[in-house]
C-alpha cells in the first residue's frame, strides 16, 4: 500500500505542467534571494525605494552568522535546491524520488559545467 502511494506521488510530480513547475521554482527563488543568498543582480530587484533609500522588500527569516552556499526544501511532490558559488547561483527543481545526496551532486556538477562553458565561450 505504501509503495503504491509513493509510486503515485512520483507519477503526480512528473505530471506537473511546466507553468506549475516554473511557479514552484520562482516561489523558491523569491524565498531564498535576499533572505538567505545575496542578490546577484545590481541593483537588486528585491529592494524598494522609500524616501530616497533602498529598503529590502523581504523580512529575513533568520539572522545568519555565516555565509550560506546551499539550501534546499523538500515536499512530498518536489525538491528545490539552491547553490551559490562565487557570483553564480543555481536554482533547481527535482522530483521527490531523487535522493538528497544526488540532488546536491547533480546541482554542483551542473553549475560547474555552466560556469566552465561560459568561461570557454568568453575566451573564444
PDB file of N, CA and C in Angstrom:
ATOM      1  N   UNK A   1       0.830  -1.196   0.000  1.00  0.00           N
ATOM      2  CA  UNK A   1       0.000   0.000   0.000  1.00  0.00           C
ATOM      3  C   UNK A   1       0.875   1.261   0.000  1.00  0.00           C
ATOM      4  N   UNK A   2       1.864   1.304   0.888  1.00  0.00           N
ATOM      5  CA  UNK A   2       2.733   2.472   0.973  1.00  0.00           C
ATOM      6  C   UNK A   2       3.552   2.632  -0.309  1.00  0.00           C
ATOM      7  N   UNK A   3       4.010   1.528  -0.868  1.00  0.00           N
ATOM      8  CA  UNK A   3       4.781   1.582  -2.113  1.00  0.00           C
ATOM      9  C   UNK A   3       3.915   2.103  -3.253  1.00  0.00           C
ATOM     10  N   UNK A   4       2.655   1.725  -3.289  1.00  0.00           N
ATOM     11  CA  UNK A   4       1.743   2.223  -4.320  1.00  0.00           C
ATOM     12  C   UNK A   4       1.540   3.725  -4.180  1.00  0.00           C
ATOM     13  N   UNK A   5       1.431   4.200  -2.945  1.00  0.00           N
ATOM     14  CA  UNK A   5       1.282   5.638  -2.716  1.00  0.00           C
ATOM     15  C   UNK A   5       2.518   6.395  -3.179  1.00  0.00           C
ATOM     16  N   UNK A   6       3.704   5.859  -2.897  1.00  0.00           N
ATOM     17  CA  UNK A   6       4.936   6.507  -3.330  1.00  0.00           C
ATOM     18  C   UNK A   6       5.021   6.546  -4.848  1.00  0.00           C
ATOM     19  N   UNK A   7       4.650   5.461  -5.506  1.00  0.00           N
ATOM     20  CA  UNK A   7       4.670   5.436  -6.970  1.00  0.00           C
ATOM     21  C   UNK A   7       3.680   6.443  -7.542  1.00  0.00           C
ATOM     22  N   UNK A   8       2.513   6.565  -6.927  1.00  0.00           N
ATOM     23  CA  UNK A   8       1.522   7.534  -7.392  1.00  0.00           C
ATOM     24  C   UNK A   8       2.038   8.956  -7.213  1.00  0.00           C
ATOM     25  N   UNK A   9       2.699   9.242  -6.089  1.00  0.00           N
ATOM     26  CA  UNK A   9       3.257  10.571  -5.861  1.00  0.00           C
ATOM     27  C   UNK A   9       4.316  10.892  -6.895  1.00  0.00           C
ATOM     28  N   UNK A  10       5.158   9.922  -7.250  1.00  0.00           N
ATOM     29  CA  UNK A  10       6.182  10.144  -8.263  1.00  0.00           C
ATOM     30  C   UNK A  10       5.542  10.450  -9.610  1.00  0.00           C
ATOM     31  N   UNK A  11       4.507   9.704  -9.968  1.00  0.00           N
ATOM     32  CA  UNK A  11       3.819   9.970 -11.236  1.00  0.00           C
ATOM     33  C   UNK A  11       3.190  11.357 -11.219  1.00  0.00           C
ATOM     34  N   UNK A  12       2.553  11.721 -10.098  1.00  0.00           N
ATOM     35  CA  UNK A  12       1.914  13.033  -9.986  1.00  0.00           C
ATOM     36  C   UNK A  12       2.940  14.157 -10.125  1.00  0.00           C
ATOM     37  N   UNK A  13       4.106  14.009  -9.486  1.00  0.00           N
ATOM     38  CA  UNK A  13       5.108  15.077  -9.542  1.00  0.00           C
ATOM     39  C   UNK A  13       5.696  15.199 -10.939  1.00  0.00           C
ATOM     40  N   UNK A  14       5.804  14.088 -11.661  1.00  0.00           N
ATOM     41  CA  UNK A  14       6.315  14.146 -13.027  1.00  0.00           C
ATOM     42  C   UNK A  14       5.307  14.755 -13.976  1.00  0.00           C
ATOM     43  N   UNK A  15       4.036  14.703 -13.601  1.00  0.00           N
ATOM     44  CA  UNK A  15       2.984  15.228 -14.466  1.00  0.00           C
ATOM     45  C   UNK A  15       2.693  16.699 -14.226  1.00  0.00           C
ATOM     46  N   UNK A  16       3.421  17.327 -13.311  1.00  0.00           N
ATOM     47  CA  UNK A  16       3.205  18.751 -13.086  1.00  0.00           C
ATOM     48  C   UNK A  16       3.449  19.496 -14.389  1.00  0.00           C
ATOM     49  N   UNK A  17       2.516  20.314 -14.818  1.00  0.00           N
ATOM     50  CA  UNK A  17       2.739  21.071 -16.054  1.00  0.00           C
ATOM     51  C   UNK A  17       3.883  22.066 -15.891  1.00  0.00           C
ATOM     52  N   UNK A  18       4.521  22.397 -16.990  1.00  0.00           N
ATOM     53  CA  UNK A  18       5.676  23.302 -16.965  1.00  0.00           C
ATOM     54  C   UNK A  18       5.373  24.624 -16.260  1.00  0.00           C
ATOM     55  N   UNK A  19       4.214  25.256 -16.505  1.00  0.00           N
ATOM     56  CA  UNK A  19       3.949  26.516 -15.782  1.00  0.00           C
ATOM     57  C   UNK A  19       3.909  26.333 -14.263  1.00  0.00           C
ATOM     58  N   UNK A  20       3.410  25.189 -13.800  1.00  0.00           N
ATOM     59  CA  UNK A  20       3.364  24.938 -12.355  1.00  0.00           C
ATOM     60  C   UNK A  20       4.778  24.722 -11.808  1.00  0.00           C
ATOM     61  N   UNK A  21       5.604  23.982 -12.551  1.00  0.00           N
ATOM     62  CA  UNK A  21       6.999  23.780 -12.125  1.00  0.00           C
ATOM     63  C   UNK A  21       7.732  25.115 -12.069  1.00  0.00           C
ATOM     64  N   UNK A  22       7.501  25.962 -13.067  1.00  0.00           N
ATOM     65  CA  UNK A  22       8.128  27.285 -13.089  1.00  0.00           C
ATOM     66  C   UNK A  22       7.666  28.119 -11.895  1.00  0.00           C
ATOM     67  N   UNK A  23       6.387  28.028 -11.565  1.00  0.00           N
ATOM     68  CA  UNK A  23       5.854  28.766 -10.423  1.00  0.00           C
ATOM     69  C   UNK A  23       6.484  28.292  -9.114  1.00  0.00           C
ATOM     70  N   UNK A  24       6.660  26.976  -8.972  1.00  0.00           N
ATOM     71  CA  UNK A  24       7.297  26.423  -7.767  1.00  0.00           C
ATOM     72  C   UNK A  24       8.729  26.940  -7.650  1.00  0.00           C
ATOM     73  N   UNK A  25       9.464  26.894  -8.754  1.00  0.00           N
ATOM     74  CA  UNK A  25      10.853  27.346  -8.733  1.00  0.00           C
ATOM     75  C   UNK A  25      10.947  28.850  -8.491  1.00  0.00           C
ATOM     76  N   UNK A  26      10.045  29.616  -9.080  1.00  0.00           N
ATOM     77  CA  UNK A  26      10.029  31.069  -8.874  1.00  0.00           C
ATOM     78  C   UNK A  26       9.743  31.398  -7.408  1.00  0.00           C
ATOM     79  N   UNK A  27       8.807  30.695  -6.804  1.00  0.00           N
ATOM     80  CA  UNK A  27       8.488  30.914  -5.393  1.00  0.00           C
ATOM     81  C   UNK A  27       9.680  30.572  -4.513  1.00  0.00           C
ATOM     82  N   UNK A  28      10.354  29.474  -4.820  1.00  0.00           N
ATOM     83  CA  UNK A  28      11.562  29.088  -4.083  1.00  0.00           C
ATOM     84  C   UNK A  28      12.629  30.169  -4.214  1.00  0.00           C
ATOM     85  N   UNK A  29      12.851  30.647  -5.427  1.00  0.00           N
ATOM     86  CA  UNK A  29      13.834  31.711  -5.677  1.00  0.00           C
ATOM     87  C   UNK A  29      13.521  32.942  -4.823  1.00  0.00           C
ATOM     88  N   UNK A  30      12.279  33.370  -4.852  1.00  0.00           N
ATOM     89  CA  UNK A  30      11.889  34.568  -4.100  1.00  0.00           C
ATOM     90  C   UNK A  30      12.050  34.392  -2.594  1.00  0.00           C
ATOM     91  N   UNK A  31      11.898  33.166  -2.111  1.00  0.00           N
ATOM     92  CA  UNK A  31      12.055  32.943  -0.679  1.00  0.00           C
ATOM     93  C   UNK A  31      13.529  32.880  -0.261  1.00  0.00           C
ATOM     94  N   UNK A  32      14.420  32.615  -1.215  1.00  0.00           N
ATOM     95  CA  UNK A  32      15.844  32.455  -0.904  1.00  0.00           C
ATOM     96  C   UNK A  32      16.632  33.743  -1.117  1.00  0.00           C
ATOM     97  N   UNK A  33      16.425  34.400  -2.253  1.00  0.00           N
ATOM     98  CA  UNK A  33      17.214  35.597  -2.571  1.00  0.00           C
ATOM     99  C   UNK A  33      16.853  36.722  -1.604  1.00  0.00           C
ATOM    100  N   UNK A  34      17.870  37.254  -0.998  1.00  0.00           N
ATOM    101  CA  UNK A  34      17.688  38.331  -0.032  1.00  0.00           C
ATOM    102  C   UNK A  34      17.648  37.810   1.388  1.00  0.00           C
ATOM    103  N   UNK A  35      16.887  36.739   1.610  1.00  0.00           N
ATOM    104  CA  UNK A  35      16.783  36.189   2.965  1.00  0.00           C
ATOM    105  C   UNK A  35      17.941  35.240   3.283  1.00  0.00           C
ATOM    106  N   UNK A  36      18.409  34.484   2.288  1.00  0.00           N
ATOM    107  CA  UNK A  36      19.495  33.527   2.508  1.00  0.00           C
ATOM    108  C   UNK A  36      20.702  33.883   1.644  1.00  0.00           C
ATOM    109  N   UNK A  37      20.501  34.029   0.333  1.00  0.00           N
ATOM    110  CA  UNK A  37      21.565  34.424  -0.593  1.00  0.00           C
ATOM    111  C   UNK A  37      21.429  35.905  -0.897  1.00  0.00           C
ATOM    112  N   UNK A  38      22.562  36.546  -1.098  1.00  0.00           N
ATOM    113  CA  UNK A  38      22.531  37.921  -1.579  1.00  0.00           C
ATOM    114  C   UNK A  38      22.093  37.910  -3.038  1.00  0.00           C
ATOM    115  N   UNK A  39      21.394  38.943  -3.455  1.00  0.00           N
ATOM    116  CA  UNK A  39      21.000  39.043  -4.854  1.00  0.00           C
ATOM    117  C   UNK A  39      22.238  39.271  -5.697  1.00  0.00           C
ATOM    118  N   UNK A  40      22.319  38.575  -6.831  1.00  0.00           N
ATOM    119  CA  UNK A  40      23.462  38.757  -7.720  1.00  0.00           C
ATOM    120  C   UNK A  40      23.204  39.871  -8.730  1.00  0.00           C
ATOM    121  N   UNK A  41      21.996  40.414  -8.742  1.00  0.00           N
ATOM    122  CA  UNK A  41      21.651  41.495  -9.674  1.00  0.00           C
ATOM    123  C   UNK A  41      21.999  42.844  -9.050  1.00  0.00           C
ATOM    124  N   UNK A  42      22.441  43.749  -9.863  1.00  0.00           N
ATOM    125  CA  UNK A  42      22.733  45.115  -9.410  1.00  0.00           C
ATOM    126  C   UNK A  42      22.003  46.102 -10.294  1.00  0.00           C
ATOM    127  N   UNK A  43      21.168  46.969  -9.811  1.00  0.00           N
ATOM    128  CA  UNK A  43      20.704  46.986  -8.430  1.00  0.00           C
ATOM    129  C   UNK A  43      19.781  45.801  -8.172  1.00  0.00           C
ATOM    130  N   UNK A  44      19.667  45.440  -6.930  1.00  0.00           N
ATOM    131  CA  UNK A  44      18.874  44.272  -6.568  1.00  0.00           C
ATOM    132  C   UNK A  44      17.398  44.503  -6.876  1.00  0.00           C
ATOM    133  N   UNK A  45      16.760  43.529  -7.535  1.00  0.00           N
ATOM    134  CA  UNK A  45      15.321  43.658  -7.781  1.00  0.00           C
ATOM    135  C   UNK A  45      14.508  43.410  -6.523  1.00  0.00           C
ATOM    136  N   UNK A  46      15.178  43.092  -5.423  1.00  0.00           N
ATOM    137  CA  UNK A  46      14.490  42.754  -4.187  1.00  0.00           C
ATOM    138  C   UNK A  46      14.555  43.898  -3.181  1.00  0.00           C
ATOM    139  N   UNK A  47      14.550  45.120  -3.701  1.00  0.00           N
ATOM    140  CA  UNK A  47      14.519  46.300  -2.846  1.00  0.00           C
ATOM    141  C   UNK A  47      13.435  47.245  -3.347  1.00  0.00           C
ATOM    142  N   UNK A  48      12.946  48.057  -2.453  1.00  0.00           N
ATOM    143  CA  UNK A  48      12.004  49.098  -2.826  1.00  0.00           C
ATOM    144  C   UNK A  48      12.564  50.428  -2.333  1.00  0.00           C
ATOM    145  N   UNK A  49      12.190  51.491  -3.016  1.00  0.00           N
ATOM    146  CA  UNK A  49      12.686  52.812  -2.635  1.00  0.00           C
ATOM    147  C   UNK A  49      11.655  53.492  -1.743  1.00  0.00           C
ATOM    148  N   UNK A  50      12.128  53.945  -0.587  1.00  0.00           N
ATOM    149  CA  UNK A  50      11.271  54.680   0.342  1.00  0.00           C
ATOM    150  C   UNK A  50      12.045  55.888   0.840  1.00  0.00           C
ATOM    151  N   UNK A  51      11.568  57.039   0.521  1.00  0.00           N
ATOM    152  CA  UNK A  51      12.221  58.268   0.970  1.00  0.00           C
ATOM    153  C   UNK A  51      13.644  58.399   0.468  1.00  0.00           C
ATOM    154  N   UNK A  52      13.919  57.910  -0.742  1.00  0.00           N
ATOM    155  CA  UNK A  52      15.246  58.002  -1.324  1.00  0.00           C
ATOM    156  C   UNK A  52      16.209  56.921  -0.877  1.00  0.00           C
ATOM    157  N   UNK A  53      15.763  56.018  -0.014  1.00  0.00           N
ATOM    158  CA  UNK A  53      16.626  54.928   0.454  1.00  0.00           C
ATOM    159  C   UNK A  53      16.106  53.598  -0.073  1.00  0.00           C
ATOM    160  N   UNK A  54      17.024  52.693  -0.394  1.00  0.00           N
ATOM    161  CA  UNK A  54      16.631  51.359  -0.842  1.00  0.00           C
ATOM    162  C   UNK A  54      16.461  50.451   0.372  1.00  0.00           C
ATOM    163  N   UNK A  55      15.283  49.877   0.496  1.00  0.00           N
ATOM    164  CA  UNK A  55      14.932  49.019   1.625  1.00  0.00           C
ATOM    165  C   UNK A  55      14.659  47.610   1.088  1.00  0.00           C
ATOM    166  N   UNK A  56      15.167  46.553   1.722  1.00  0.00           N
ATOM    167  CA  UNK A  56      14.838  45.196   1.261  1.00  0.00           C
ATOM    168  C   UNK A  56      13.330  44.972   1.283  1.00  0.00           C
ATOM    169  N   UNK A  57      12.819  44.284   0.248  1.00  0.00           N
ATOM    170  CA  UNK A  57      11.379  44.044   0.170  1.00  0.00           C
ATOM    171  C   UNK A  57      10.978  42.733   0.835  1.00  0.00           C
ATOM    172  N   UNK A  58      11.813  42.228   1.717  1.00  0.00           N
ATOM    173  CA  UNK A  58      11.538  40.976   2.411  1.00  0.00           C
ATOM    174  C   UNK A  58      11.967  41.116   3.862  1.00  0.00           C
ATOM    175  N   UNK A  59      11.469  40.222   4.661  1.00  0.00           N
ATOM    176  CA  UNK A  59      11.898  40.150   6.048  1.00  0.00           C
ATOM    177  C   UNK A  59      12.770  38.920   6.193  1.00  0.00           C
ATOM    178  N   UNK A  60      14.059  39.085   6.491  1.00  0.00           N
ATOM    179  CA  UNK A  60      14.906  37.909   6.660  1.00  0.00           C
ATOM    180  C   UNK A  60      14.322  36.987   7.726  1.00  0.00           C
ATOM    181  N   UNK A  61      14.310  35.691   7.454  1.00  0.00           N
ATOM    182  CA  UNK A  61      13.721  34.757   8.402  1.00  0.00           C
ATOM    183  C   UNK A  61      14.713  34.312   9.467  1.00  0.00           C
ATOM    184  N   UNK A  62      15.962  34.676   9.300  1.00  0.00           N
ATOM    185  CA  UNK A  62      16.966  34.290  10.296  1.00  0.00           C
ATOM    186  C   UNK A  62      18.131  35.262  10.233  1.00  0.00           C
ATOM    187  N   UNK A  63      18.750  35.473  11.359  1.00  0.00           N
ATOM    188  CA  UNK A  63      19.979  36.257  11.376  1.00  0.00           C
ATOM    189  C   UNK A  63      21.121  35.279  11.126  1.00  0.00           C
ATOM    190  N   UNK A  64      21.715  35.362   9.941  1.00  0.00           N
ATOM    191  CA  UNK A  64      22.753  34.411   9.563  1.00  0.00           C
ATOM    192  C   UNK A  64      24.110  34.888  10.058  1.00  0.00           C
ATOM    193  N   UNK A  65      24.808  34.025  10.764  1.00  0.00           N
ATOM    194  CA  UNK A  65      26.100  34.373  11.326  1.00  0.00           C
ATOM    195  C   UNK A  65      27.255  33.989  10.410  1.00  0.00           C
ATOM    196  N   UNK A  66      26.959  33.268   9.330  1.00  0.00           N
ATOM    197  CA  UNK A  66      27.990  32.836   8.391  1.00  0.00           C
ATOM    198  C   UNK A  66      27.384  32.808   6.989  1.00  0.00           C
ATOM    199  N   UNK A  67      28.214  32.890   5.960  1.00  0.00           N
ATOM    200  CA  UNK A  67      27.667  32.841   4.606  1.00  0.00           C
ATOM    201  C   UNK A  67      27.098  31.454   4.296  1.00  0.00           C
ATOM    202  N   UNK A  68      26.011  31.442   3.562  1.00  0.00           N
ATOM    203  CA  UNK A  68      25.350  30.197   3.172  1.00  0.00           C
ATOM    204  C   UNK A  68      25.670  29.931   1.711  1.00  0.00           C
ATOM    205  N   UNK A  69      26.052  28.699   1.380  1.00  0.00           N
ATOM    206  CA  UNK A  69      26.362  28.380  -0.015  1.00  0.00           C
ATOM    207  C   UNK A  69      25.337  27.447  -0.643  1.00  0.00           C
ATOM    208  N   UNK A  70      24.474  26.825   0.161  1.00  0.00           N
ATOM    209  CA  UNK A  70      23.449  25.960  -0.395  1.00  0.00           C
ATOM    210  C   UNK A  70      22.282  25.825   0.569  1.00  0.00           C
ATOM    211  N   UNK A  71      21.110  25.558  -0.002  1.00  0.00           N
ATOM    212  CA  UNK A  71      19.907  25.358   0.791  1.00  0.00           C
ATOM    213  C   UNK A  71      18.924  24.541  -0.024  1.00  0.00           C
ATOM    214  N   UNK A  72      18.012  23.867   0.651  1.00  0.00           N
ATOM    215  CA  UNK A  72      17.025  23.093  -0.077  1.00  0.00           C
ATOM    216  C   UNK A  72      15.722  23.005   0.699  1.00  0.00           C
ATOM    217  N   UNK A  73      14.667  22.663  -0.045  1.00  0.00           N
ATOM    218  CA  UNK A  73      13.336  22.461   0.511  1.00  0.00           C
ATOM    219  C   UNK A  73      12.782  21.182  -0.099  1.00  0.00           C
ATOM    220  N   UNK A  74      12.209  20.343   0.726  1.00  0.00           N
ATOM    221  CA  UNK A  74      11.600  19.100   0.243  1.00  0.00           C
ATOM    222  C   UNK A  74      10.112  19.107   0.568  1.00  0.00           C
ATOM    223  N   UNK A  75       9.315  18.641  -0.379  1.00  0.00           N
ATOM    224  CA  UNK A  75       7.895  18.413  -0.126  1.00  0.00           C
ATOM    225  C   UNK A  75       7.565  17.023  -0.645  1.00  0.00           C
ATOM    226  N   UNK A  76       6.338  16.596  -0.503  1.00  0.00           N
ATOM    227  CA  UNK A  76       6.001  15.263  -0.994  1.00  0.00           C
ATOM    228  C   UNK A  76       5.888  15.235  -2.509  1.00  0.00           C
ATOM    229  N   UNK A  77       5.881  16.406  -3.168  1.00  0.00           N
ATOM    230  CA  UNK A  77       5.735  16.460  -4.622  1.00  0.00           C
ATOM    231  C   UNK A  77       6.976  16.921  -5.370  1.00  0.00           C
ATOM    232  N   UNK A  78       7.930  17.541  -4.682  1.00  0.00           N
ATOM    233  CA  UNK A  78       9.131  18.035  -5.349  1.00  0.00           C
ATOM    234  C   UNK A  78      10.226  18.367  -4.330  1.00  0.00           C
ATOM    235  N   UNK A  79      11.433  18.586  -4.849  1.00  0.00           N
ATOM    236  CA  UNK A  79      12.563  19.069  -4.058  1.00  0.00           C
ATOM    237  C   UNK A  79      13.150  20.265  -4.790  1.00  0.00           C
ATOM    238  N   UNK A  80      13.429  21.318  -4.051  1.00  0.00           N
ATOM    239  CA  UNK A  80      14.081  22.502  -4.607  1.00  0.00           C
ATOM    240  C   UNK A  80      15.457  22.616  -3.949  1.00  0.00           C
ATOM    241  N   UNK A  81      16.438  22.978  -4.750  1.00  0.00           N
ATOM    242  CA  UNK A  81      17.805  23.095  -4.247  1.00  0.00           C
ATOM    243  C   UNK A  81      18.427  24.345  -4.845  1.00  0.00           C
ATOM    244  N   UNK A  82      19.116  25.111  -4.005  1.00  0.00           N
ATOM    245  CA  UNK A  82      19.816  26.311  -4.466  1.00  0.00           C
ATOM    246  C   UNK A  82      21.267  26.217  -4.046  1.00  0.00           C
ATOM    247  N   UNK A  83      22.129  26.647  -4.956  1.00  0.00           N
ATOM    248  CA  UNK A  83      23.567  26.566  -4.746  1.00  0.00           C
ATOM    249  C   UNK A  83      24.185  27.887  -5.168  1.00  0.00           C
ATOM    250  N   UNK A  84      25.101  28.393  -4.367  1.00  0.00           N
ATOM    251  CA  UNK A  84      25.824  29.614  -4.699  1.00  0.00           C
ATOM    252  C   UNK A  84      27.316  29.310  -4.686  1.00  0.00           C
ATOM    253  N   UNK A  85      27.980  29.704  -5.770  1.00  0.00           N
ATOM    254  CA  UNK A  85      29.425  29.539  -5.872  1.00  0.00           C
ATOM    255  C   UNK A  85      29.982  30.823  -6.467  1.00  0.00           C
ATOM    256  N   UNK A  86      30.660  31.605  -5.638  1.00  0.00           N
ATOM    257  CA  UNK A  86      31.149  32.907  -6.094  1.00  0.00           C
ATOM    258  C   UNK A  86      29.961  33.781  -6.481  1.00  0.00           C
ATOM    259  N   UNK A  87      30.023  34.408  -7.665  1.00  0.00           N
ATOM    260  CA  UNK A  87      28.926  35.272  -8.072  1.00  0.00           C
ATOM    261  C   UNK A  87      27.763  34.508  -8.715  1.00  0.00           C
ATOM    262  N   UNK A  88      27.882  33.190  -8.836  1.00  0.00           N
ATOM    263  CA  UNK A  88      26.887  32.385  -9.556  1.00  0.00           C
ATOM    264  C   UNK A  88      25.931  31.694  -8.596  1.00  0.00           C
ATOM    265  N   UNK A  89      24.662  31.645  -9.002  1.00  0.00           N
ATOM    266  CA  UNK A  89      23.631  30.958  -8.243  1.00  0.00           C
ATOM    267  C   UNK A  89      22.868  30.045  -9.190  1.00  0.00           C
ATOM    268  N   UNK A  90      22.503  28.864  -8.702  1.00  0.00           N
ATOM    269  CA  UNK A  90      21.726  27.910  -9.478  1.00  0.00           C
ATOM    270  C   UNK A  90      20.548  27.457  -8.624  1.00  0.00           C
ATOM    271  N   UNK A  91      19.353  27.506  -9.215  1.00  0.00           N
ATOM    272  CA  UNK A  91      18.134  27.068  -8.545  1.00  0.00           C
ATOM    273  C   UNK A  91      17.562  25.909  -9.352  1.00  0.00           C
ATOM    274  N   UNK A  92      17.314  24.785  -8.679  1.00  0.00           N
ATOM    275  CA  UNK A  92      16.870  23.586  -9.386  1.00  0.00           C
ATOM    276  C   UNK A  92      15.625  22.991  -8.739  1.00  0.00           C
ATOM    277  N   UNK A  93      14.896  22.232  -9.553  1.00  0.00           N
ATOM    278  CA  UNK A  93      13.684  21.557  -9.110  1.00  0.00           C
ATOM    279  C   UNK A  93      13.791  20.090  -9.500  1.00  0.00           C
ATOM    280  N   UNK A  94      13.545  19.197  -8.555  1.00  0.00           N
ATOM    281  CA  UNK A  94      13.649  17.761  -8.786  1.00  0.00           C
ATOM    282  C   UNK A  94      12.368  17.067  -8.342  1.00  0.00           C
ATOM    283  N   UNK A  95      12.162  15.857  -8.881  1.00  0.00           N
ATOM    284  CA  UNK A  95      11.065  15.037  -8.385  1.00  0.00           C
ATOM    285  C   UNK A  95      11.474  14.497  -7.021  1.00  0.00           C
ATOM    286  N   UNK A  96      10.522  14.128  -6.172  1.00  0.00           N
ATOM    287  CA  UNK A  96      10.870  13.708  -4.808  1.00  0.00           C
ATOM    288  C   UNK A  96      11.640  12.393  -4.740  1.00  0.00           C
ATOM    289  N   UNK A  97      11.617  11.597  -5.802  1.00  0.00           N
ATOM    290  CA  UNK A  97      12.309  10.305  -5.781  1.00  0.00           C
ATOM    291  C   UNK A  97      13.822  10.447  -5.854  1.00  0.00           C
ATOM    292  N   UNK A  98      14.325  11.604  -6.269  1.00  0.00           N
ATOM    293  CA  UNK A  98      15.775  11.799  -6.365  1.00  0.00           C
ATOM    294  C   UNK A  98      16.337  11.934  -4.950  1.00  0.00           C
ATOM    295  N   UNK A  99      17.323  11.112  -4.582  1.00  0.00           N
ATOM    296  CA  UNK A  99      17.891  11.186  -3.226  1.00  0.00           C
ATOM    297  C   UNK A  99      18.567  12.544  -2.973  1.00  0.00           C
ATOM    298  N   UNK A 100      18.527  12.982  -1.730  1.00  0.00           N
ATOM    299  CA  UNK A 100      19.094  14.293  -1.379  1.00  0.00           C
ATOM    300  C   UNK A 100      20.558  14.415  -1.775  1.00  0.00           C
ATOM    301  N   UNK A 101      21.359  13.381  -1.522  1.00  0.00           N
ATOM    302  CA  UNK A 101      22.774  13.478  -1.872  1.00  0.00           C
ATOM    303  C   UNK A 101      22.958  13.590  -3.386  1.00  0.00           C
ATOM    304  N   UNK A 102      22.061  13.009  -4.163  1.00  0.00           N
ATOM    305  CA  UNK A 102      22.134  13.132  -5.621  1.00  0.00           C
ATOM    306  C   UNK A 102      21.721  14.521  -6.082  1.00  0.00           C
ATOM    307  N   UNK A 103      20.723  15.092  -5.427  1.00  0.00           N
ATOM    308  CA  UNK A 103      20.286  16.454  -5.752  1.00  0.00           C
ATOM    309  C   UNK A 103      21.470  17.409  -5.624  1.00  0.00           C
ATOM    310  N   UNK A 104      22.189  17.266  -4.545  1.00  0.00           N
ATOM    311  CA  UNK A 104      23.346  18.139  -4.293  1.00  0.00           C
ATOM    312  C   UNK A 104      24.422  17.937  -5.358  1.00  0.00           C
ATOM    313  N   UNK A 105      24.764  16.693  -5.643  1.00  0.00           N
ATOM    314  CA  UNK A 105      25.840  16.398  -6.594  1.00  0.00           C
ATOM    315  C   UNK A 105      25.456  16.815  -8.017  1.00  0.00           C
ATOM    316  N   UNK A 106      24.238  16.531  -8.427  1.00  0.00           N
ATOM    317  CA  UNK A 106      23.776  16.918  -9.772  1.00  0.00           C
ATOM    318  C   UNK A 106      23.821  18.437  -9.919  1.00  0.00           C
ATOM    319  N   UNK A 107      23.356  19.143  -8.906  1.00  0.00           N
ATOM    320  CA  UNK A 107      23.349  20.608  -8.960  1.00  0.00           C
ATOM    321  C   UNK A 107      24.755  21.178  -9.030  1.00  0.00           C
ATOM    322  N   UNK A 108      25.656  20.648  -8.208  1.00  0.00           N
ATOM    323  CA  UNK A 108      27.042  21.139  -8.220  1.00  0.00           C
ATOM    324  C   UNK A 108      27.694  20.902  -9.582  1.00  0.00           C
ATOM    325  N   UNK A 109      27.501  19.715 -10.139  1.00  0.00           N
ATOM    326  CA  UNK A 109      28.090  19.414 -11.451  1.00  0.00           C
ATOM    327  C   UNK A 109      27.479  20.286 -12.551  1.00  0.00           C
ATOM    328  N   UNK A 110      26.198  20.537 -12.461  1.00  0.00           N
ATOM    329  CA  UNK A 110      25.528  21.383 -13.454  1.00  0.00           C
ATOM    330  C   UNK A 110      26.086  22.801 -13.410  1.00  0.00           C
ATOM    331  N   UNK A 111      26.205  23.361 -12.204  1.00  0.00           N
ATOM    332  CA  UNK A 111      26.751  24.716 -12.077  1.00  0.00           C
ATOM    333  C   UNK A 111      28.184  24.767 -12.585  1.00  0.00           C
ATOM    334  N   UNK A 112      28.994  23.773 -12.241  1.00  0.00           N
ATOM    335  CA  UNK A 112      30.379  23.741 -12.725  1.00  0.00           C
ATOM    336  C   UNK A 112      30.423  23.697 -14.252  1.00  0.00           C
ATOM    337  N   UNK A 113      29.557  22.893 -14.855  1.00  0.00           N
ATOM    338  CA  UNK A 113      29.534  22.784 -16.320  1.00  0.00           C
ATOM    339  C   UNK A 113      29.103  24.102 -16.955  1.00  0.00           C
ATOM    340  N   UNK A 114      28.107  24.763 -16.374  1.00  0.00           N
ATOM    341  CA  UNK A 114      27.635  26.041 -16.925  1.00  0.00           C
ATOM    342  C   UNK A 114      28.709  27.129 -16.814  1.00  0.00           C
ATOM    343  N   UNK A 115      29.379  27.187 -15.677  1.00  0.00           N
ATOM    344  CA  UNK A 115      30.430  28.193 -15.485  1.00  0.00           C
ATOM    345  C   UNK A 115      31.592  27.914 -16.427  1.00  0.00           C
ATOM    346  N   UNK A 116      31.971  26.657 -16.573  1.00  0.00           N
ATOM    347  CA  UNK A 116      33.064  26.292 -17.472  1.00  0.00           C
ATOM    348  C   UNK A 116      32.709  26.649 -18.912  1.00  0.00           C
ATOM    349  N   UNK A 117      31.480  26.344 -19.312  1.00  0.00           N
ATOM    350  CA  UNK A 117      31.038  26.658 -20.671  1.00  0.00           C
ATOM    351  C   UNK A 117      31.035  28.167 -20.897  1.00  0.00           C
ATOM    352  N   UNK A 118      30.561  28.929 -19.912  1.00  0.00           N
ATOM    353  CA  UNK A 118      30.557  30.384 -20.032  1.00  0.00           C
ATOM    354  C   UNK A 118      31.981  30.895 -20.174  1.00  0.00           C
ATOM    355  N   UNK A 119      32.891  30.384 -19.360  1.00  0.00           N
ATOM    356  CA  UNK A 119      34.286  30.802 -19.410  1.00  0.00           C
ATOM    357  C   UNK A 119      34.904  30.466 -20.783  1.00  0.00           C
ATOM    358  N   UNK A 120      34.642  29.281 -21.278  1.00  0.00           N
ATOM    359  CA  UNK A 120      35.180  28.880 -22.596  1.00  0.00           C
ATOM    360  C   UNK A 120      34.619  29.743 -23.706  1.00  0.00           C
ATOM    361  N   UNK A 121      33.353  30.126 -23.633  1.00  0.00           N
ATOM    362  CA  UNK A 121      32.752  30.975 -24.676  1.00  0.00           C
ATOM    363  C   UNK A 121      33.312  32.390 -24.640  1.00  0.00           C
ATOM    364  N   UNK A 122      33.691  32.881 -23.484  1.00  0.00           N
ATOM    365  CA  UNK A 122      34.257  34.222 -23.377  1.00  0.00           C
ATOM    366  C   UNK A 122      35.655  34.246 -23.986  1.00  0.00           C
ATOM    367  N   UNK A 123      36.420  33.199 -23.764  1.00  0.00           N
ATOM    368  CA  UNK A 123      37.812  33.148 -24.273  1.00  0.00           C
ATOM    369  C   UNK A 123      37.844  33.074 -25.795  1.00  0.00           C
ATOM    370  N   UNK A 124      36.895  32.379 -26.390  1.00  0.00           N
ATOM    371  CA  UNK A 124      36.901  32.197 -27.858  1.00  0.00           C
ATOM    372  C   UNK A 124      36.715  33.463 -28.603  1.00  0.00           C
TER     373      UNK A 124
END
